[in-house]
C-alpha atoms as a PDB file:
ATOM      1  CA  MET A   1     -22.686  91.004  -6.200  1.00  0.00           C
ATOM      2  CA  LYS A   2     -24.857  89.002  -3.798  1.00  0.00           C
ATOM      3  CA  PRO A   3     -27.295  86.358  -5.132  1.00  0.00           C
ATOM      4  CA  VAL A   4     -30.984  87.088  -4.652  1.00  0.00           C
ATOM      5  CA  ASN A   5     -33.529  84.486  -3.667  1.00  0.00           C
ATOM      6  CA  LEU A   6     -36.432  85.112  -6.008  1.00  0.00           C
ATOM      7  CA  ASN A   7     -38.883  83.322  -3.711  1.00  0.00           C
ATOM      8  CA  HIS A   8     -38.226  85.911  -0.996  1.00  0.00           C
ATOM      9  CA  VAL A   9     -38.652  88.750  -3.461  1.00  0.00           C
ATOM     10  CA  ARG A  10     -41.913  87.270  -4.734  1.00  0.00           C
ATOM     11  CA  LYS A  11     -43.270  86.775  -1.203  1.00  0.00           C
ATOM     12  CA  GLU A  12     -42.348  90.329  -0.146  1.00  0.00           C
ATOM     13  CA  LYS A  13     -44.046  91.719  -3.244  1.00  0.00           C
ATOM     14  CA  LYS A  14     -47.171  89.665  -2.487  1.00  0.00           C
ATOM     15  CA  ARG A  15     -47.209  90.830   1.173  1.00  0.00           C
ATOM     16  CA  ALA A  16     -46.888  94.463   0.120  1.00  0.00           C
ATOM     17  CA  ALA A  17     -49.782  94.101  -2.339  1.00  0.00           C
ATOM     18  CA  ALA A  18     -51.960  92.436   0.321  1.00  0.00           C
ATOM     19  CA  LYS A  19     -51.204  95.208   2.829  1.00  0.00           C
ATOM     20  CA  LYS A  20     -52.025  97.880   0.264  1.00  0.00           C
ATOM     21  CA  SER A  21     -55.309  96.144  -0.533  1.00  0.00           C
ATOM     22  CA  ALA A  22     -56.159  95.821   3.172  1.00  0.00           C
ATOM     23  CA  ASP A  23     -55.445  99.505   3.773  1.00  0.00           C
ATOM     24  CA  GLU A  24     -57.696 100.461   0.858  1.00  0.00           C
ATOM     25  CA  ASN A  25     -60.495  98.265   2.240  1.00  0.00           C
ATOM     26  CA  VAL A  26     -60.220  99.896   5.668  1.00  0.00           C
ATOM     27  CA  ILE A  27     -60.695 103.263   4.044  1.00  0.00           C
ATOM     28  CA  ARG A  28     -63.491 102.008   1.789  1.00  0.00           C
ATOM     29  CA  PHE A  29     -65.523 100.141   4.391  1.00  0.00           C
ATOM     30  CA  GLY A  30     -64.977 102.483   7.315  1.00  0.00           C
ATOM     31  CA  MET A  31     -64.560 100.862  10.682  1.00  0.00           C
ATOM     32  CA  THR A  32     -62.021  98.349  11.836  1.00  0.00           C
ATOM     33  CA  LYS A  33     -63.146  95.182  13.584  1.00  0.00           C
ATOM     34  CA  ALA A  34     -62.298  96.648  17.001  1.00  0.00           C
ATOM     35  CA  GLU A  35     -64.411  99.727  16.267  1.00  0.00           C
ATOM     36  CA  ARG A  36     -67.358  97.573  15.150  1.00  0.00           C
ATOM     37  CA  VAL A  37     -67.159  95.470  18.332  1.00  0.00           C
ATOM     38  CA  LEU A  38     -66.975  98.606  20.482  1.00  0.00           C
ATOM     39  CA  ALA A  39     -69.945 100.196  18.683  1.00  0.00           C
ATOM     40  CA  ALA A  40     -72.012  97.016  19.085  1.00  0.00           C
ATOM     41  CA  ALA A  41     -71.182  96.857  22.798  1.00  0.00           C
ATOM     42  CA  LYS A  42     -72.154 100.501  23.297  1.00  0.00           C
ATOM     43  CA  GLU A  43     -75.388  99.965  21.358  1.00  0.00           C
ATOM     44  CA  GLU A  44     -76.275  96.937  23.473  1.00  0.00           C
ATOM     45  CA  GLN A  45     -75.465  98.820  26.666  1.00  0.00           C
ATOM     46  CA  ALA A  46     -77.685 101.733  25.605  1.00  0.00           C
ATOM     47  CA  SER A  47     -80.494  99.339  24.706  1.00  0.00           C
ATOM     48  CA  ASN A  48     -80.258  97.607  28.084  1.00  0.00           C
ATOM     49  CA  ARG A  49     -80.272 100.974  29.863  1.00  0.00           C
ATOM     50  CA  LEU A  50     -83.344 102.072  27.904  1.00  0.00           C
ATOM     51  CA  ASN A  51     -85.143  98.845  28.814  1.00  0.00           C
ATOM     52  CA  GLN A  52     -84.377  99.467  32.477  1.00  0.00           C
ATOM     53  CA  LEU A  53     -85.815 102.971  32.329  1.00  0.00           C
ATOM     54  CA  LYS A  54     -89.023 102.053  30.517  1.00  0.00           C
ATOM     55  CA  PHE A  55     -92.196 102.741  32.433  1.00  0.00           C
ATOM     56  CA  GLU A  56     -94.679  99.936  32.010  1.00  0.00           C
ATOM     57  CA  ASP A  57     -98.266 101.100  32.477  1.00  0.00           C
ATOM     58  CA  GLU A  58    -100.342  98.078  33.309  1.00  0.00           C
END
């Protein structure tokens, strides 16, 4: 039988728990960071386009 390093086992268990928690948070809170950045960029682009098309009556 091969000896087992308990520190490695503990760290792997902790990593697995952190990944599970992160996956649950992605589901719970919706968008990933990349999706939020993309949505903000699209929103800003649409806002800028709308400002360009505004007709100012002065």
